[in-house]
C-alpha atoms as a PDB file:
ATOM      1  CA  MET A   1     -68.016  87.745 -34.567  1.00  0.00           C
ATOM      2  CA  PRO A   2     -68.116  90.446 -31.842  1.00  0.00           C
ATOM      3  CA  ARG A   3     -66.950  93.938 -32.685  1.00  0.00           C
ATOM      4  CA  PRO A   4     -63.675  95.110 -31.148  1.00  0.00           C
ATOM      5  CA  THR A   5     -64.223  97.396 -28.167  1.00  0.00           C
ATOM      6  CA  ALA A   6     -62.570 100.707 -27.355  1.00  0.00           C
ATOM      7  CA  VAL A   7     -62.809 102.793 -24.191  1.00  0.00           C
ATOM      8  CA  VAL A   8     -62.093 106.493 -24.810  1.00  0.00           C
ATOM      9  CA  PHE A   9     -61.568 108.887 -21.886  1.00  0.00           C
ATOM     10  CA  GLY A  10     -61.628 112.661 -21.951  1.00  0.00           C
ATOM     11  CA  GLU A  11     -63.240 115.970 -22.739  1.00  0.00           C
ATOM     12  CA  ALA A  12     -66.418 116.600 -24.711  1.00  0.00           C
ATOM     13  CA  LEU A  13     -67.102 120.257 -25.356  1.00  0.00           C
ATOM     14  CA  ILE A  14     -68.417 122.994 -27.605  1.00  0.00           C
ATOM     15  CA  ASP A  15     -66.052 125.032 -29.768  1.00  0.00           C
ATOM     16  CA  VAL A  16     -67.477 128.561 -29.798  1.00  0.00           C
ATOM     17  CA  TYR A  17     -66.532 130.417 -32.997  1.00  0.00           C
ATOM     18  CA  PRO A  18     -67.533 134.019 -33.720  1.00  0.00           C
ATOM     19  CA  ASP A  19     -70.394 132.760 -35.889  1.00  0.00           C
ATOM     20  CA  ASN A  20     -70.903 129.119 -34.943  1.00  0.00           C
ATOM     21  CA  ARG A  21     -70.971 126.569 -32.103  1.00  0.00           C
ATOM     22  CA  VAL A  22     -69.525 123.134 -32.884  1.00  0.00           C
ATOM     23  CA  VAL A  23     -69.482 119.852 -30.942  1.00  0.00           C
ATOM     24  CA  ALA A  24     -65.807 118.986 -30.471  1.00  0.00           C
ATOM     25  CA  GLY A  25     -63.057 117.637 -28.221  1.00  0.00           C
ATOM     26  CA  ALA A  26     -60.092 115.493 -29.281  1.00  0.00           C
ATOM     27  CA  PRO A  27     -61.252 112.298 -27.523  1.00  0.00           C
ATOM     28  CA  LEU A  28     -64.791 112.843 -28.804  1.00  0.00           C
ATOM     29  CA  HIS A  29     -63.435 112.912 -32.364  1.00  0.00           C
ATOM     30  CA  VAL A  30     -61.423 109.739 -31.713  1.00  0.00           C
ATOM     31  CA  ALA A  31     -64.470 107.973 -30.274  1.00  0.00           C
ATOM     32  CA  ALA A  32     -66.681 108.988 -33.202  1.00  0.00           C
ATOM     33  CA  HIS A  33     -64.202 107.842 -35.834  1.00  0.00           C
ATOM     34  CA  LEU A  34     -63.539 104.506 -34.135  1.00  0.00           C
ATOM     35  CA  ALA A  35     -67.299 103.956 -34.002  1.00  0.00           C
ATOM     36  CA  ALA A  36     -67.561 104.854 -37.695  1.00  0.00           C
ATOM     37  CA  GLY A  37     -64.896 102.223 -38.340  1.00  0.00           C
ATOM     38  CA  GLY A  38     -67.071  99.513 -36.774  1.00  0.00           C
ATOM     39  CA  TRP A  39     -65.788  99.604 -33.202  1.00  0.00           C
ATOM     40  CA  ASP A  40     -67.984  99.248 -30.125  1.00  0.00           C
ATOM     41  CA  THR A  41     -66.873 102.541 -28.600  1.00  0.00           C
ATOM     42  CA  ARG A  42     -67.536 103.479 -24.961  1.00  0.00           C
ATOM     43  CA  PHE A  43     -66.896 107.145 -24.162  1.00  0.00           C
ATOM     44  CA  VAL A  44     -66.048 108.169 -20.600  1.00  0.00           C
ATOM     45  CA  THR A  45     -66.812 111.878 -20.161  1.00  0.00           C
ATOM     46  CA  ARG A  46     -69.017 114.247 -18.148  1.00  0.00           C
ATOM     47  CA  LEU A  47     -71.591 116.786 -19.354  1.00  0.00           C
ATOM     48  CA  GLY A  48     -73.718 119.447 -17.733  1.00  0.00           C
ATOM     49  CA  THR A  49     -77.514 119.495 -17.648  1.00  0.00           C
ATOM     50  CA  ASP A  50     -77.573 122.491 -20.009  1.00  0.00           C
ATOM     51  CA  PRO A  51     -78.746 122.409 -23.648  1.00  0.00           C
ATOM     52  CA  GLU A  52     -75.157 122.044 -24.887  1.00  0.00           C
ATOM     53  CA  GLY A  53     -74.805 118.821 -22.910  1.00  0.00           C
ATOM     54  CA  GLY A  54     -77.951 117.547 -24.584  1.00  0.00           C
ATOM     55  CA  ARG A  55     -76.569 118.540 -27.961  1.00  0.00           C
ATOM     56  CA  ILE A  56     -73.370 116.584 -27.380  1.00  0.00           C
ATOM     57  CA  ARG A  57     -75.339 113.521 -26.278  1.00  0.00           C
ATOM     58  CA  ALA A  58     -77.472 113.692 -29.419  1.00  0.00           C
ATOM     59  CA  THR A  59     -74.361 114.041 -31.569  1.00  0.00           C
ATOM     60  CA  LEU A  60     -72.722 111.022 -29.949  1.00  0.00           C
ATOM     61  CA  GLU A  61     -75.887 108.983 -30.439  1.00  0.00           C
ATOM     62  CA  GLY A  62     -75.867 109.968 -34.101  1.00  0.00           C
ATOM     63  CA  GLN A  63     -72.276 108.723 -34.321  1.00  0.00           C
ATOM     64  CA  ASP A  64     -73.194 105.342 -32.741  1.00  0.00           C
ATOM     65  CA  VAL A  65     -70.988 105.981 -29.700  1.00  0.00           C
ATOM     66  CA  ASP A  66     -72.072 104.132 -26.541  1.00  0.00           C
ATOM     67  CA  LEU A  67     -73.274 106.633 -23.900  1.00  0.00           C
ATOM     68  CA  SER A  68     -73.451 104.289 -20.903  1.00  0.00           C
ATOM     69  CA  MET A  69     -70.327 105.857 -19.349  1.00  0.00           C
ATOM     70  CA  VAL A  70     -71.239 109.477 -20.100  1.00  0.00           C
ATOM     71  CA  GLU A  71     -71.874 111.183 -16.753  1.00  0.00           C
ATOM     72  CA  THR A  72     -74.141 114.107 -15.867  1.00  0.00           C
ATOM     73  CA  ASP A  73     -73.057 116.949 -13.588  1.00  0.00           C
ATOM     74  CA  THR A  74     -75.829 118.976 -11.959  1.00  0.00           C
ATOM     75  CA  GLU A  75     -73.555 121.868 -10.967  1.00  0.00           C
ATOM     76  CA  LEU A  76     -70.786 122.306 -13.538  1.00  0.00           C
ATOM     77  CA  PRO A  77     -71.532 123.419 -17.116  1.00  0.00           C
ATOM     78  CA  THR A  78     -70.729 121.527 -20.269  1.00  0.00           C
ATOM     79  CA  GLY A  79     -67.237 122.469 -21.440  1.00  0.00           C
ATOM     80  CA  GLU A  80     -66.691 125.293 -23.902  1.00  0.00           C
ATOM     81  CA  VAL A  81     -63.724 126.661 -25.829  1.00  0.00           C
ATOM     82  CA  THR A  82     -63.895 130.226 -27.162  1.00  0.00           C
ATOM     83  CA  ILE A  83     -62.003 130.644 -30.442  1.00  0.00           C
ATOM     84  CA  THR A  84     -61.024 134.056 -31.805  1.00  0.00           C
ATOM     85  CA  PHE A  85     -59.262 135.043 -35.018  1.00  0.00           C
ATOM     86  CA  ASP A  86     -56.692 137.680 -35.907  1.00  0.00           C
ATOM     87  CA  GLY A  87     -56.377 137.326 -39.670  1.00  0.00           C
ATOM     88  CA  PRO A  88     -55.329 133.727 -40.452  1.00  0.00           C
ATOM     89  CA  GLU A  89     -54.156 133.147 -36.867  1.00  0.00           C
ATOM     90  CA  HIS A  90     -56.472 131.921 -34.138  1.00  0.00           C
ATOM     91  CA  SER A  91     -56.340 131.696 -30.374  1.00  0.00           C
ATOM     92  CA  PHE A  92     -58.568 129.949 -27.887  1.00  0.00           C
ATOM     93  CA  VAL A  93     -59.574 129.889 -24.252  1.00  0.00           C
ATOM     94  CA  ILE A  94     -60.545 126.544 -22.683  1.00  0.00           C
ATOM     95  CA  HIS A  95     -62.989 127.592 -19.988  1.00  0.00           C
ATOM     96  CA  ARG A  96     -62.931 126.148 -16.492  1.00  0.00           C
ATOM     97  CA  PRO A  97     -64.315 124.687 -14.454  1.00  0.00           C
ATOM     98  CA  ALA A  98     -66.262 122.405 -16.770  1.00  0.00           C
ATOM     99  CA  ALA A  99     -68.156 119.175 -16.236  1.00  0.00           C
ATOM    100  CA  TRP A 100     -65.347 117.144 -17.829  1.00  0.00           C
ATOM    101  CA  ASP A 101     -63.009 118.377 -15.059  1.00  0.00           C
ATOM    102  CA  ALA A 102     -64.966 116.220 -12.605  1.00  0.00           C
ATOM    103  CA  ILE A 103     -65.147 112.860 -14.384  1.00  0.00           C
ATOM    104  CA  GLU A 104     -65.598 110.060 -11.852  1.00  0.00           C
ATOM    105  CA  GLY A 105     -65.431 107.077 -14.205  1.00  0.00           C
ATOM    106  CA  PRO A 106     -67.192 103.716 -13.887  1.00  0.00           C
ATOM    107  CA  GLU A 107     -66.385 101.320 -11.070  1.00  0.00           C
ATOM    108  CA  GLU A 108     -65.582  98.618 -13.629  1.00  0.00           C
ATOM    109  CA  LEU A 109     -64.670  98.491 -17.295  1.00  0.00           C
ATOM    110  CA  PRO A 110     -65.967  96.061 -19.890  1.00  0.00           C
ATOM    111  CA  VAL A 111     -63.499  93.799 -21.631  1.00  0.00           C
ATOM    112  CA  HIS A 112     -61.889  96.047 -24.230  1.00  0.00           C
ATOM    113  CA  ASP A 113     -59.138  95.977 -26.827  1.00  0.00           C
ATOM    114  CA  VAL A 114     -58.041  99.610 -26.689  1.00  0.00           C
ATOM    115  CA  PHE A 115     -57.979 102.394 -24.099  1.00  0.00           C
ATOM    116  CA  CYS A 116     -57.518 105.876 -25.608  1.00  0.00           C
ATOM    117  CA  TYR A 117     -56.764 108.989 -23.559  1.00  0.00           C
ATOM    118  CA  GLY A 118     -55.179 112.417 -23.885  1.00  0.00           C
ATOM    119  CA  SER A 119     -53.337 114.912 -21.716  1.00  0.00           C
ATOM    120  CA  LEU A 120     -55.862 117.761 -21.463  1.00  0.00           C
ATOM    121  CA  ALA A 121     -58.428 115.789 -19.462  1.00  0.00           C
ATOM    122  CA  GLY A 122     -55.905 115.431 -16.640  1.00  0.00           C
ATOM    123  CA  ARG A 123     -55.768 119.171 -15.887  1.00  0.00           C
ATOM    124  CA  ASP A 124     -58.061 118.816 -12.827  1.00  0.00           C
ATOM    125  CA  VAL A 125     -57.211 116.560  -9.904  1.00  0.00           C
ATOM    126  CA  ARG A 126     -60.656 114.902 -10.047  1.00  0.00           C
ATOM    127  CA  SER A 127     -60.551 113.731 -13.653  1.00  0.00           C
ATOM    128  CA  ARG A 128     -56.847 112.986 -13.281  1.00  0.00           C
ATOM    129  CA  ALA A 129     -57.570 110.588 -10.409  1.00  0.00           C
ATOM    130  CA  ALA A 130     -60.298 108.896 -12.442  1.00  0.00           C
ATOM    131  CA  LEU A 131     -57.977 108.497 -15.431  1.00  0.00           C
ATOM    132  CA  ARG A 132     -55.207 107.031 -13.276  1.00  0.00           C
ATOM    133  CA  ARG A 133     -57.623 104.534 -11.704  1.00  0.00           C
ATOM    134  CA  LEU A 134     -59.087 103.451 -15.040  1.00  0.00           C
ATOM    135  CA  LEU A 135     -55.669 103.087 -16.661  1.00  0.00           C
ATOM    136  CA  ASP A 136     -54.612 100.832 -13.787  1.00  0.00           C
ATOM    137  CA  LEU A 137     -57.886  98.924 -14.122  1.00  0.00           C
ATOM    138  CA  SER A 138     -57.663  98.534 -17.889  1.00  0.00           C
ATOM    139  CA  GLY A 139     -56.365  95.271 -19.241  1.00  0.00           C
ATOM    140  CA  ALA A 140     -56.314  96.535 -22.833  1.00  0.00           C
ATOM    141  CA  PRO A 141     -53.293  95.339 -24.835  1.00  0.00           C
ATOM    142  CA  LEU A 142     -53.186  98.747 -26.531  1.00  0.00           C
ATOM    143  CA  LYS A 143     -53.252 101.950 -24.475  1.00  0.00           C
ATOM    144  CA  ALA A 144     -52.966 104.989 -26.716  1.00  0.00           C
ATOM    145  CA  PHE A 145     -51.827 108.314 -25.249  1.00  0.00           C
ATOM    146  CA  ASP A 146     -52.500 111.291 -27.531  1.00  0.00           C
ATOM    147  CA  VAL A 147     -50.684 114.380 -26.253  1.00  0.00           C
ATOM    148  CA  ASN A 148     -52.446 117.728 -26.699  1.00  0.00           C
ATOM    149  CA  LEU A 149     -50.467 120.545 -25.059  1.00  0.00           C
ATOM    150  CA  ARG A 150     -52.888 123.395 -24.407  1.00  0.00           C
ATOM    151  CA  PRO A 151     -51.275 126.107 -22.226  1.00  0.00           C
ATOM    152  CA  PRO A 152     -51.833 126.882 -19.425  1.00  0.00           C
ATOM    153  CA  ASP A 153     -53.227 123.367 -18.887  1.00  0.00           C
ATOM    154  CA  VAL A 154     -49.865 121.626 -19.326  1.00  0.00           C
ATOM    155  CA  LEU A 155     -48.844 119.525 -16.313  1.00  0.00           C
ATOM    156  CA  PRO A 156     -45.656 117.417 -16.253  1.00  0.00           C
ATOM    157  CA  GLU A 157     -47.371 115.131 -13.719  1.00  0.00           C
ATOM    158  CA  VAL A 158     -50.054 114.256 -16.281  1.00  0.00           C
ATOM    159  CA  LEU A 159     -47.483 113.683 -19.017  1.00  0.00           C
ATOM    160  CA  ARG A 160     -45.469 111.353 -16.786  1.00  0.00           C
ATOM    161  CA  MET A 161     -48.579 109.424 -15.765  1.00  0.00           C
ATOM    162  CA  GLY A 162     -49.775 109.051 -19.340  1.00  0.00           C
ATOM    163  CA  LEU A 163     -46.382 108.033 -20.645  1.00  0.00           C
ATOM    164  CA  ARG A 164     -45.772 105.434 -17.932  1.00  0.00           C
ATOM    165  CA  ARG A 165     -48.973 103.594 -18.798  1.00  0.00           C
ATOM    166  CA  ALA A 166     -49.018 103.905 -22.605  1.00  0.00           C
ATOM    167  CA  THR A 167     -48.158 101.297 -25.213  1.00  0.00           C
ATOM    168  CA  LEU A 168     -48.626 103.856 -28.026  1.00  0.00           C
ATOM    169  CA  LEU A 169     -47.662 107.524 -27.785  1.00  0.00           C
ATOM    170  CA  LYS A 170     -48.750 110.000 -30.466  1.00  0.00           C
ATOM    171  CA  LEU A 171     -47.684 113.639 -30.533  1.00  0.00           C
ATOM    172  CA  SER A 172     -46.708 116.373 -32.983  1.00  0.00           C
ATOM    173  CA  GLY A 173     -43.127 117.270 -33.820  1.00  0.00           C
ATOM    174  CA  GLU A 174     -43.336 120.416 -31.710  1.00  0.00           C
ATOM    175  CA  GLU A 175     -44.876 118.494 -28.818  1.00  0.00           C
ATOM    176  CA  PHE A 176     -42.119 115.867 -29.095  1.00  0.00           C
ATOM    177  CA  ASP A 177     -39.555 118.542 -28.203  1.00  0.00           C
ATOM    178  CA  ASP A 178     -41.774 120.304 -25.652  1.00  0.00           C
ATOM    179  CA  VAL A 179     -42.671 117.163 -23.689  1.00  0.00           C
ATOM    180  CA  ALA A 180     -39.015 116.126 -23.546  1.00  0.00           C
ATOM    181  CA  ARG A 181     -38.128 119.556 -22.171  1.00  0.00           C
ATOM    182  CA  LEU A 182     -40.949 119.496 -19.624  1.00  0.00           C
ATOM    183  CA  LEU A 183     -39.882 116.070 -18.378  1.00  0.00           C
ATOM    184  CA  GLY A 184     -36.176 116.917 -18.347  1.00  0.00           C
ATOM    185  CA  MET A 185     -35.107 114.334 -20.903  1.00  0.00           C
ATOM    186  CA  ALA A 186     -33.383 114.350 -24.280  1.00  0.00           C
ATOM    187  CA  PRO A 187     -35.658 114.957 -27.316  1.00  0.00           C
ATOM    188  CA  GLU A 188     -34.946 111.474 -28.664  1.00  0.00           C
ATOM    189  CA  PRO A 189     -37.173 108.411 -29.092  1.00  0.00           C
ATOM    190  CA  ALA A 190     -34.901 106.378 -26.823  1.00  0.00           C
ATOM    191  CA  ALA A 191     -35.592 108.767 -23.943  1.00  0.00           C
ATOM    192  CA  TYR A 192     -39.333 108.313 -24.402  1.00  0.00           C
ATOM    193  CA  PHE A 193     -38.982 104.530 -24.354  1.00  0.00           C
ATOM    194  CA  ASP A 194     -36.913 104.778 -21.183  1.00  0.00           C
ATOM    195  CA  ALA A 195     -39.680 106.863 -19.556  1.00  0.00           C
ATOM    196  CA  GLY A 196     -42.450 104.568 -20.809  1.00  0.00           C
ATOM    197  CA  PRO A 197     -41.753 100.991 -19.702  1.00  0.00           C
ATOM    198  CA  GLU A 198     -44.757  99.601 -21.594  1.00  0.00           C
ATOM    199  CA  LEU A 199     -44.270 101.779 -24.676  1.00  0.00           C
ATOM    200  CA  ARG A 200     -44.076  99.909 -27.988  1.00  0.00           C
ATOM    201  CA  TRP A 201     -44.504 102.751 -30.495  1.00  0.00           C
ATOM    202  CA  VAL A 202     -43.859 106.490 -30.636  1.00  0.00           C
ATOM    203  CA  CYS A 203     -45.650 108.256 -33.480  1.00  0.00           C
ATOM    204  CA  VAL A 204     -44.642 111.806 -34.393  1.00  0.00           C
ATOM    205  CA  THR A 205     -46.900 113.735 -36.774  1.00  0.00           C
ATOM    206  CA  MET A 206     -45.499 116.524 -38.924  1.00  0.00           C
ATOM    207  CA  GLY A 207     -48.546 118.000 -40.650  1.00  0.00           C
ATOM    208  CA  ALA A 208     -48.130 118.279 -44.412  1.00  0.00           C
ATOM    209  CA  ASP A 209     -44.733 116.555 -44.101  1.00  0.00           C
ATOM    210  CA  GLY A 210     -46.353 113.314 -42.936  1.00  0.00           C
ATOM    211  CA  ALA A 211     -45.463 111.236 -39.891  1.00  0.00           C
ATOM    212  CA  ARG A 212     -42.943 108.800 -38.502  1.00  0.00           C
ATOM    213  CA  LEU A 213     -43.468 105.714 -36.376  1.00  0.00           C
ATOM    214  CA  VAL A 214     -40.632 104.508 -34.151  1.00  0.00           C
ATOM    215  CA  ARG A 215     -40.594 101.119 -32.429  1.00  0.00           C
ATOM    216  CA  ARG A 216     -38.874 100.255 -29.163  1.00  0.00           C
ATOM    217  CA  ALA A 217     -36.231  98.271 -31.032  1.00  0.00           C
ATOM    218  CA  GLY A 218     -35.217 101.526 -32.728  1.00  0.00           C
ATOM    219  CA  ASP A 219     -36.428 100.876 -36.264  1.00  0.00           C
ATOM    220  CA  GLU A 220     -38.442 103.652 -37.848  1.00  0.00           C
ATOM    221  CA  LEU A 221     -40.984 104.131 -40.631  1.00  0.00           C
ATOM    222  CA  SER A 222     -41.880 107.402 -42.316  1.00  0.00           C
ATOM    223  CA  ILE A 223     -44.730 108.421 -44.576  1.00  0.00           C
ATOM    224  CA  GLY A 224     -45.462 111.591 -46.535  1.00  0.00           C
ATOM    225  CA  GLY A 225     -48.436 113.809 -45.879  1.00  0.00           C
ATOM    226  CA  PRO A 226     -51.792 113.326 -47.620  1.00  0.00           C
ATOM    227  CA  GLU A 227     -52.096 114.887 -51.058  1.00  0.00           C
ATOM    228  CA  VAL A 228     -55.423 116.656 -50.665  1.00  0.00           C
ATOM    229  CA  GLU A 229     -56.763 120.159 -51.003  1.00  0.00           C
ATOM    230  CA  VAL A 230     -57.175 121.234 -47.394  1.00  0.00           C
ATOM    231  CA  VAL A 231     -60.638 122.511 -46.506  1.00  0.00           C
ATOM    232  CA  ASP A 232     -60.388 122.369 -42.716  1.00  0.00           C
ATOM    233  CA  THR A 233     -57.690 121.083 -40.342  1.00  0.00           C
ATOM    234  CA  VAL A 234     -60.022 120.663 -37.336  1.00  0.00           C
ATOM    235  CA  GLY A 235     -59.880 117.109 -36.011  1.00  0.00           C
ATOM    236  CA  ALA A 236     -57.284 115.852 -38.496  1.00  0.00           C
ATOM    237  CA  GLY A 237     -54.834 114.851 -35.761  1.00  0.00           C
ATOM    238  CA  ASP A 238     -57.582 113.082 -33.831  1.00  0.00           C
ATOM    239  CA  VAL A 239     -58.667 111.163 -36.926  1.00  0.00           C
ATOM    240  CA  PHE A 240     -55.038 110.199 -37.515  1.00  0.00           C
ATOM    241  CA  THR A 241     -55.003 108.756 -33.993  1.00  0.00           C
ATOM    242  CA  ALA A 242     -58.201 106.781 -34.584  1.00  0.00           C
ATOM    243  CA  GLY A 243     -56.874 105.393 -37.863  1.00  0.00           C
ATOM    244  CA  LEU A 244     -53.551 104.383 -36.326  1.00  0.00           C
ATOM    245  CA  VAL A 245     -55.110 102.816 -33.236  1.00  0.00           C
ATOM    246  CA  GLY A 246     -57.775 100.956 -35.187  1.00  0.00           C
ATOM    247  CA  ALA A 247     -55.256  99.480 -37.596  1.00  0.00           C
ATOM    248  CA  LEU A 248     -52.646  98.475 -35.008  1.00  0.00           C
ATOM    249  CA  ALA A 249     -55.265  96.893 -32.751  1.00  0.00           C
ATOM    250  CA  SER A 250     -56.678  94.950 -35.708  1.00  0.00           C
ATOM    251  CA  GLY A 251     -53.326  93.328 -36.462  1.00  0.00           C
ATOM    252  CA  ALA A 252     -52.127  95.524 -39.326  1.00  0.00           C
ATOM    253  CA  THR A 253     -48.422  95.875 -39.923  1.00  0.00           C
ATOM    254  CA  ASP A 254     -46.799  99.106 -38.783  1.00  0.00           C
ATOM    255  CA  GLU A 255     -46.556 100.259 -42.399  1.00  0.00           C
ATOM    256  CA  GLU A 256     -50.226  99.500 -43.058  1.00  0.00           C
ATOM    257  CA  ALA A 257     -51.253 101.253 -39.835  1.00  0.00           C
ATOM    258  CA  LEU A 258     -49.276 104.389 -40.672  1.00  0.00           C
ATOM    259  CA  ARG A 259     -50.831 104.491 -44.144  1.00  0.00           C
ATOM    260  CA  SER A 260     -54.312 103.989 -42.692  1.00  0.00           C
ATOM    261  CA  ALA A 261     -53.772 106.863 -40.262  1.00  0.00           C
ATOM    262  CA  ARG A 262     -52.472 109.174 -43.009  1.00  0.00           C
ATOM    263  CA  ASP A 263     -55.354 108.349 -45.340  1.00  0.00           C
ATOM    264  CA  SER A 264     -57.928 108.809 -42.564  1.00  0.00           C
ATOM    265  CA  ALA A 265     -56.535 112.239 -41.763  1.00  0.00           C
ATOM    266  CA  GLY A 266     -56.484 113.137 -45.454  1.00  0.00           C
ATOM    267  CA  ALA A 267     -60.163 112.367 -45.811  1.00  0.00           C
ATOM    268  CA  ILE A 268     -61.090 114.662 -42.918  1.00  0.00           C
ATOM    269  CA  LEU A 269     -58.854 117.468 -44.213  1.00  0.00           C
ATOM    270  CA  ALA A 270     -60.956 117.535 -47.362  1.00  0.00           C
ATOM    271  CA  GLN A 271     -64.215 118.245 -45.503  1.00  0.00           C
ATOM    272  CA  GLN A 272     -65.595 120.797 -43.047  1.00  0.00           C
ATOM    273  CA  GLY A 273     -65.495 119.759 -39.371  1.00  0.00           C
ATOM    274  CA  GLY A 274     -63.840 116.949 -37.452  1.00  0.00           C
ATOM    275  CA  LEU A 275     -66.702 114.433 -37.224  1.00  0.00           C
ATOM    276  CA  PRO A 276     -67.640 111.676 -39.669  1.00  0.00           C
ATOM    277  CA  PRO A 277     -71.068 111.832 -41.289  1.00  0.00           C
ATOM    278  CA  PRO A 278     -73.710 110.590 -38.773  1.00  0.00           C
ATOM    279  CA  SER A 279     -74.449 106.860 -38.967  1.00  0.00           C
END
């Protein structure tokens, strides 16, 4: 029986800490965890010709992610995010331009079950145009939009585009209010469903307090947070997305999918880093 197929679009980059450099990016984490779950995962991104681009390619290969749609840019560098700390608080700068700002995308897409995308990759008009074209081209029954608001790269145009084409929307509680404000609508699930004609689910994550999943009909499920000793929060939200998407696309009930997402995030919270062990 053929493996289910996912197309994941977005940024692949290096998180630059004061003492370490880590392969990262929300869609990269989603792609890696879907692949670890047995999916045939095609990642659409763009890397520079520098050593960091080579490092990301090697990491993706180690995660069994298909690289056939990973592009190479001979002028722009591989993306980097500089992270600094002030006590327990951290701040970051997402450098631009980066290779993932200029994603062109393939002319055609393979038959696929899921198309996953986020909001950050739409910050540049070039990648935004590619994402719009591929979303229109995609015939996937599940299109999952994972909002990641990263000021100053927050564009209402991108949020509207992503919401109009999504069947599943996932965002944090804070983002739920912020996106509603940015789009001039009430911070209520019904307003999101009105803005997203194809939307079937809205999932709101609340960190240690768990998550809730609302369906278009108005019924809602809630689940508590994972009971684990937190080692590292990096990538937990992305792993939650992968767990939710994988379960829903495989025919799980909403309750089963929410539990799968919570448990997936819990497992990553108990380890260092946002990637699964290499395959």
